[in-house]
Each structure stands twice: as structure tokens, then as C-alpha cells.
Amino acid sequence: MQRVQFDKGNILRIQTEQKIALGTLWFSGWLIVTVLIFIIGYIFYFGLPTALSFHYLFSPPDGGRYDTGGILYQLISTLYLIFGAIAVAAPIGISAAIYLTEYAPQNAITKLIGFAIENLAGIPSIIYGLFGLAFFVIFLKFEYSLLAGALTVAIMVLPVIIRTSEEALLSVPQRLRQSSLALGVNKWQTIANVVLPSAFPGILTGILLSIGRIIGESAILILAAGGSITAMPSLISSDYPYFLPESARTLAVHLYYQATSYDTRGKAFATGVVLILIVLFLNFSITQISKSYRKRFLS
């Protein structure tokens, strides 16, 4: 009889602990959602009316100033920077991940490479900015340009793309590789036709995370890309050397200058709304692409 009562006491204690743990998890989750909604709602409340203005979105700054006019130049510069950085970082990062997961032997060298990648991912962005300033701007004489900024942020997001691509490739079941090899297909054809399509949604997620980090960087771009907004951003410079795109200011850098000026803090909220909308649009687009790809690949 005492044993039965003891078991019931344990059961009641376990049930109580489960309820407390579940309540704590629910409270933590809703607290995060509440804080997120408050932050986004606060920014949208002050910035949405201006952000929805056609003049603010599609007109250039008046006389190159950041306190008057619109953000057309900054918006174009941000898009140029994203495409340029991802065009450099994505092929290199995905190729490195394929080598590390599919070809590289597990020895001291690969462990050293993995250690280096992890350390690169933890370096503050301002350090990358100093490197871009010293190497691309001064040593290679790229000047303050979109090219220098794109190459610098490409190096910054490279560890993120490598790590997320590695995880996506490792998540592909080994039986798929073995089945393909059993049919007489060579290793590279197996990787290209079986492994990569299966890992594509995970790789795409890593690229999305990288884009989000590129959009939000400011200090690194002030050091590497400059901050000129006196002319329409161009992929070809009007001066020699002509292959270098000119200096430009992204939305994040523009937001920094607006927020640090008392007269333009109101417009800083509008620029923040535009940044949030861009990130939400990219998230939605890549999620839809990933879902459609999964359906087509699995079917």
C-alpha cells in the first residue's frame, strides 16, 4: 500500500514538473513574439507613412544630402551589393562545403580548416571592414567602391554559407548516395544529381541568412564602400580604372547617418521599415521557392 502511494506521489511530482516546464516554454515563446511585435510595430508606427511614399522610395537625395529627398540611390546600392557579394560567396562557399563533406579525408588538415571557418564566423564585422579598407581599398587600389564593399562582405558571409551548406549536405541520407553509386553512377554525378538537389533547400536557407546579414551591415561598408550618394550607383566607373563600380551608400549605412542626425531621425524609421520589408520579402520568396522545389523534387 505504501508503494502505491509512493508511485502516485512520483507521478504527481512529474506531472507538476511537466506543467511548469511547459508553462515556462510557452511564456518564453510568447515573450519573444511580443517583443518582436512591439519592436516592429513601433518602427512601423513612426516610419510606415513615409516609407509608403512614392517620392521617398523612388526619388534621389536632393544634392547628395541624406536629410532631403528619397532613397533611390541607396536602394539600388543595396541591391548591387547583395548580388555582388552572393555571386562571389555562394559558389566558393558551396564548393568548399562539397569538398569538406564529400571528398576531404578526416585528418588534422580538415580539422584545422573547420577550426578556421568557425573562428572566421565569430570575428566582428568591423574587423572585416578594416581588412577590406587595408587590402581592397588601399593595397589593391580599388578605392571606395561597391566592388571593395561586395568583396569584403562576401568574405564575411563565407563561413555562414560554408557551415549551412555542410549541414544541408550531411543531412542527405547515405542510402541515396549508395543507391546512386550502386547503379554505376560516378561520385560527381551522384553529388550533382542526387546530393545537391536534396540539400538545395538547406543551402538556400544559408544564402538567405547571409543576405540578411549583408543588408544589416553598416560599419564594414563605411570602411570599404564609402558613403557617397551624389550620383546614381553605377557598375562601371566614369574614371580610370573603368571596371570599378563607384562609391555608394547602402540602406543600412544611410539609416546610421539618419539616426545620428537629430533632424532626420523621423526618416530613419522609414528607412528601417524599408529594410524590414526587404528582409520579409526575401524570406517569403525563398521559402516559396524552397517549398515548390521540394514538391517537384520529391514528386
Protein backbone atom coordinates (compact mmCIF):
# COMPACT_ATOMS: atom_id res chain seq x y z
CA MET A 1 0.00 0.00 0.00
CA GLN A 2 2.82 2.36 0.81
CA ARG A 3 4.47 1.54 -2.52
CA VAL A 4 1.31 2.52 -4.44
CA GLN A 5 1.12 5.85 -2.61
CA PHE A 6 4.81 6.45 -3.30
CA ASP A 7 4.28 5.83 -7.03
CA LYS A 8 1.30 8.19 -7.10
CA GLY A 9 3.40 10.85 -5.40
CA ASN A 10 6.10 10.46 -8.04
CA ILE A 11 3.52 10.68 -10.80
CA LEU A 12 2.04 13.86 -9.36
CA ARG A 13 5.50 15.38 -8.97
CA ILE A 14 6.42 14.51 -12.57
CA GLN A 15 3.14 15.94 -13.86
CA THR A 16 3.71 19.13 -11.90
CA GLU A 17 7.25 19.47 -13.28
CA GLN A 18 5.96 18.94 -16.81
CA LYS A 19 3.31 21.61 -16.38
CA ILE A 20 5.85 24.07 -15.00
CA ALA A 21 8.31 23.32 -17.83
CA LEU A 22 5.58 23.61 -20.47
CA GLY A 23 4.33 26.86 -18.98
CA THR A 24 7.87 28.28 -18.91
CA LEU A 25 8.40 27.35 -22.56
CA TRP A 26 5.09 28.88 -23.61
CA PHE A 27 5.84 32.04 -21.64
CA SER A 28 9.30 32.34 -23.21
CA GLY A 29 7.92 31.82 -26.71
CA TRP A 30 5.14 34.36 -26.33
CA LEU A 31 7.53 36.82 -24.68
CA ILE A 32 9.82 36.66 -27.72
CA VAL A 33 6.87 37.09 -30.08
CA THR A 34 5.57 40.02 -28.04
CA VAL A 35 8.92 41.78 -28.02
CA LEU A 36 9.30 41.24 -31.77
CA ILE A 37 5.81 42.57 -32.48
CA PHE A 38 6.45 45.58 -30.24
CA ILE A 39 9.74 46.45 -31.97
CA ILE A 40 8.36 46.04 -35.49
CA GLY A 41 5.11 47.78 -34.57
CA TYR A 42 6.96 50.73 -33.03
CA ILE A 43 9.14 51.18 -36.12
CA PHE A 44 6.18 50.77 -38.48
CA TYR A 45 4.07 53.24 -36.50
CA PHE A 46 6.57 56.06 -36.97
CA GLY A 47 8.04 55.08 -40.33
CA LEU A 48 5.34 53.41 -42.43
CA PRO A 49 3.61 56.59 -43.70
CA THR A 50 6.89 57.94 -45.07
CA ALA A 51 8.11 54.53 -46.28
CA LEU A 52 4.96 54.10 -48.40
CA SER A 53 5.55 57.43 -50.09
CA PHE A 54 6.41 57.05 -53.77
CA HIS A 55 8.58 60.15 -53.58
CA TYR A 56 10.64 58.76 -50.70
CA LEU A 57 11.20 55.38 -52.37
CA PHE A 58 11.87 56.41 -55.95
CA SER A 59 13.44 59.84 -55.84
CA PRO A 60 17.17 60.56 -55.38
CA PRO A 61 18.59 62.57 -52.49
CA ASP A 62 18.50 66.30 -53.14
CA GLY A 63 22.05 67.40 -53.85
CA GLY A 64 23.52 64.23 -52.36
CA ARG A 65 22.20 65.06 -48.87
CA TYR A 66 20.76 62.40 -46.57
CA ASP A 67 18.27 64.71 -44.89
CA THR A 68 16.28 65.61 -48.01
CA GLY A 69 14.93 63.69 -50.97
CA GLY A 70 14.41 59.96 -51.26
CA ILE A 71 16.39 56.72 -51.02
CA LEU A 72 16.50 55.58 -54.65
CA TYR A 73 20.31 55.58 -54.82
CA GLN A 74 20.63 53.76 -51.50
CA LEU A 75 18.10 51.13 -52.55
CA ILE A 76 19.94 50.43 -55.80
CA SER A 77 23.28 50.32 -53.99
CA THR A 78 21.91 47.74 -51.55
CA LEU A 79 20.69 45.51 -54.38
CA TYR A 80 24.03 45.81 -56.20
CA LEU A 81 25.87 44.89 -53.01
CA ILE A 82 23.67 41.84 -52.33
CA PHE A 83 24.02 40.42 -55.84
CA GLY A 84 27.74 41.12 -55.97
CA ALA A 85 28.53 39.58 -52.59
CA ILE A 86 26.37 36.48 -53.11
CA ALA A 87 27.75 35.97 -56.63
CA VAL A 88 31.22 35.72 -55.08
CA ALA A 89 30.49 33.97 -51.78
CA ALA A 90 27.88 31.39 -52.80
CA PRO A 91 29.90 29.44 -55.44
CA ILE A 92 33.03 29.43 -53.27
CA GLY A 93 31.16 28.51 -50.08
CA ILE A 94 29.09 25.72 -51.65
CA SER A 95 32.16 24.30 -53.42
CA ALA A 96 34.12 24.32 -50.16
CA ALA A 97 31.25 22.59 -48.35
CA ILE A 98 31.07 19.90 -51.04
CA TYR A 99 34.79 19.25 -50.74
CA LEU A 100 34.73 19.09 -46.94
CA THR A 101 31.73 16.74 -46.76
CA GLU A 102 32.21 14.55 -49.82
CA TYR A 103 35.92 14.43 -50.68
CA ALA A 104 38.16 15.64 -47.84
CA PRO A 105 39.64 12.96 -45.56
CA GLN A 106 39.09 13.39 -41.85
CA ASN A 107 42.58 14.35 -40.75
CA ALA A 108 44.38 17.20 -39.00
CA ILE A 109 44.20 19.45 -42.05
CA THR A 110 40.42 19.25 -42.37
CA LYS A 111 40.07 19.80 -38.62
CA LEU A 112 42.25 22.89 -38.96
CA ILE A 113 40.07 24.12 -41.85
CA GLY A 114 36.94 23.59 -39.75
CA PHE A 115 38.52 25.44 -36.84
CA ALA A 116 39.43 28.34 -39.13
CA ILE A 117 35.88 28.53 -40.53
CA GLU A 118 34.38 28.61 -37.04
CA ASN A 119 36.75 31.39 -36.00
CA LEU A 120 36.02 33.40 -39.16
CA ALA A 121 32.31 33.19 -38.38
CA GLY A 122 32.91 34.72 -34.94
CA ILE A 123 35.08 37.67 -35.99
CA PRO A 124 33.33 41.06 -35.51
CA SER A 125 32.26 42.70 -38.74
CA ILE A 126 34.34 45.81 -38.04
CA ILE A 127 37.48 43.64 -38.34
CA TYR A 128 36.36 42.61 -41.82
CA GLY A 129 35.83 46.28 -42.57
CA LEU A 130 39.38 47.11 -41.54
CA PHE A 131 40.67 44.26 -43.71
CA GLY A 132 38.63 45.49 -46.68
CA LEU A 133 39.94 49.01 -46.17
CA ALA A 134 43.57 47.86 -45.95
CA PHE A 135 43.53 45.19 -48.66
CA PHE A 136 40.91 46.10 -51.27
CA VAL A 137 40.75 49.88 -50.91
CA ILE A 138 44.42 50.73 -50.23
CA PHE A 139 46.60 47.77 -51.31
CA LEU A 140 44.68 46.76 -54.47
CA LYS A 141 43.71 50.40 -55.09
CA PHE A 142 40.03 49.65 -55.60
CA GLU A 143 39.24 52.93 -53.84
CA TYR A 144 35.93 53.28 -52.01
CA SER A 145 33.70 51.30 -54.33
CA LEU A 146 30.87 48.81 -54.48
CA LEU A 147 33.38 46.19 -55.61
CA ALA A 148 35.51 46.63 -52.48
CA GLY A 149 32.40 46.55 -50.30
CA ALA A 150 30.95 43.47 -52.05
CA LEU A 151 34.22 41.53 -51.78
CA THR A 152 34.57 42.43 -48.11
CA VAL A 153 31.07 41.31 -47.12
CA ALA A 154 31.49 38.22 -49.33
CA ILE A 155 34.42 37.18 -47.14
CA MET A 156 32.34 37.97 -44.05
CA VAL A 157 29.39 35.71 -45.03
CA LEU A 158 31.55 32.95 -46.50
CA PRO A 159 31.77 30.96 -43.21
CA VAL A 160 27.98 31.12 -42.81
CA ILE A 161 27.41 29.71 -46.30
CA ILE A 162 30.02 27.00 -45.80
CA ARG A 163 28.62 25.84 -42.47
CA THR A 164 24.95 25.85 -43.51
CA SER A 165 25.81 24.11 -46.78
CA GLU A 166 27.79 21.46 -44.87
CA GLU A 167 24.84 20.80 -42.58
CA ALA A 168 22.48 20.58 -45.55
CA LEU A 169 24.77 18.12 -47.36
CA LEU A 170 25.29 15.99 -44.25
CA SER A 171 21.52 15.79 -43.73
CA VAL A 172 21.13 13.93 -47.04
CA PRO A 173 20.73 10.19 -46.20
CA GLN A 174 23.68 7.99 -47.09
CA ARG A 175 21.33 5.47 -48.71
CA LEU A 176 20.70 7.94 -51.55
CA ARG A 177 24.42 8.12 -52.27
CA GLN A 178 24.82 4.36 -52.01
CA SER A 179 21.85 3.69 -54.28
CA SER A 180 23.21 6.05 -56.92
CA LEU A 181 26.71 4.56 -56.75
CA ALA A 182 25.24 1.04 -56.94
CA LEU A 183 23.69 1.93 -60.30
CA GLY A 184 27.13 2.67 -61.72
CA VAL A 185 26.97 6.47 -61.45
CA ASN A 186 30.29 8.10 -60.55
CA LYS A 187 30.78 10.19 -57.44
CA TRP A 188 30.50 13.63 -59.03
CA GLN A 189 27.32 12.71 -60.91
CA THR A 190 25.89 11.42 -57.64
CA ILE A 191 26.70 14.70 -55.92
CA ALA A 192 25.36 16.84 -58.79
CA ASN A 193 22.18 14.87 -59.48
CA VAL A 194 21.27 13.39 -56.10
CA VAL A 195 23.00 15.08 -53.17
CA LEU A 196 22.83 18.74 -54.21
CA PRO A 197 19.13 18.68 -55.21
CA SER A 198 18.28 17.11 -51.85
CA ALA A 199 20.34 19.67 -49.96
CA PHE A 200 19.21 22.64 -52.03
CA PRO A 201 16.57 23.97 -49.54
CA GLY A 202 19.14 23.98 -46.72
CA ILE A 203 21.74 25.67 -48.91
CA LEU A 204 19.15 28.27 -49.89
CA THR A 205 18.46 28.95 -46.22
CA GLY A 206 22.16 29.65 -45.65
CA ILE A 207 22.20 32.07 -48.54
CA LEU A 208 19.14 33.81 -47.10
CA LEU A 209 20.85 34.20 -43.72
CA SER A 210 23.85 35.67 -45.49
CA ILE A 211 21.68 38.15 -47.39
CA GLY A 212 20.06 39.23 -44.14
CA ARG A 213 23.46 39.90 -42.62
CA ILE A 214 24.62 41.80 -45.72
CA ILE A 215 21.57 44.05 -45.61
CA GLY A 216 22.11 44.92 -41.96
CA GLU A 217 25.82 45.75 -42.10
CA SER A 218 26.87 49.37 -41.85
CA ALA A 219 30.31 49.87 -40.27
CA ILE A 220 32.02 47.41 -42.61
CA LEU A 221 30.60 49.23 -45.64
CA ILE A 222 31.56 52.68 -44.37
CA LEU A 223 35.17 51.48 -44.30
CA ALA A 224 35.15 49.55 -47.59
CA ALA A 225 32.47 51.04 -49.84
CA GLY A 226 32.48 54.64 -48.67
CA GLY A 227 29.23 56.52 -48.42
CA SER A 228 28.78 58.67 -51.48
CA ILE A 229 25.22 59.42 -52.62
CA THR A 230 25.98 62.22 -55.07
CA ALA A 231 25.21 60.19 -58.19
CA MET A 232 23.29 57.16 -59.38
CA PRO A 233 25.22 53.99 -58.39
CA SER A 234 26.91 52.54 -61.44
CA LEU A 235 28.58 49.20 -62.11
CA ILE A 236 31.11 50.97 -64.34
CA SER A 237 33.15 53.91 -63.09
CA SER A 238 33.41 57.09 -65.11
CA ASP A 239 37.07 57.37 -64.12
CA TYR A 240 40.02 55.04 -64.64
CA PRO A 241 40.03 52.11 -63.93
CA TYR A 242 36.66 51.75 -65.59
CA PHE A 243 35.86 48.25 -64.29
CA LEU A 244 35.48 49.52 -60.73
CA PRO A 245 31.96 50.48 -59.62
CA GLU A 246 31.81 53.79 -57.83
CA SER A 247 31.42 54.51 -54.14
CA ALA A 248 27.89 54.13 -52.86
CA ARG A 249 25.80 54.12 -49.69
CA THR A 250 23.54 51.24 -48.74
CA LEU A 251 20.30 51.49 -46.80
CA ALA A 252 21.91 50.36 -43.53
CA VAL A 253 24.66 52.99 -43.81
CA HIS A 254 22.07 55.61 -44.74
CA LEU A 255 20.00 54.61 -41.72
CA TYR A 256 23.04 55.08 -39.49
CA TYR A 257 23.59 58.64 -40.74
CA GLN A 258 19.90 59.44 -40.40
CA ALA A 259 19.68 58.06 -36.87
CA THR A 260 22.73 60.03 -35.70
CA SER A 261 21.31 63.30 -37.00
CA TYR A 262 18.62 64.97 -34.92
CA ASP A 263 16.88 66.44 -37.97
CA THR A 264 16.43 63.12 -39.79
CA ARG A 265 15.53 60.67 -37.04
CA GLY A 266 11.96 60.55 -38.32
CA LYS A 267 13.15 59.40 -41.73
CA ALA A 268 15.37 56.81 -40.05
CA PHE A 269 12.20 54.94 -39.07
CA ALA A 270 11.05 54.97 -42.69
CA THR A 271 14.38 53.55 -43.86
CA GLY A 272 14.11 50.89 -41.14
CA VAL A 273 10.66 49.94 -42.45
CA VAL A 274 12.08 49.53 -45.95
CA LEU A 275 14.86 47.28 -44.63
CA ILE A 276 12.37 45.14 -42.71
CA LEU A 277 10.10 44.82 -45.76
CA ILE A 278 13.04 43.76 -47.93
CA VAL A 279 14.04 41.06 -45.43
CA LEU A 280 10.43 39.83 -45.14
CA PHE A 281 10.08 39.74 -48.92
CA LEU A 282 13.30 37.75 -49.30
CA ASN A 283 12.23 35.33 -46.57
CA PHE A 284 8.84 34.80 -48.19
CA SER A 285 10.30 34.40 -51.69
CA ILE A 286 12.97 31.90 -50.71
CA THR A 287 10.50 29.94 -48.57
CA GLN A 288 8.15 29.63 -51.52
CA ILE A 289 10.99 28.63 -53.84
CA SER A 290 12.11 26.00 -51.34
CA LYS A 291 8.58 24.59 -50.95
CA SER A 292 7.98 24.40 -54.70
CA TYR A 293 11.38 22.80 -55.22
CA ARG A 294 10.70 20.20 -52.53
CA LYS A 295 7.37 19.27 -54.10
CA ARG A 296 8.86 18.99 -57.57
CA PHE A 297 11.92 17.06 -56.40
CA LEU A 298 10.08 14.66 -54.11
CA SER A 299 7.38 14.01 -56.67
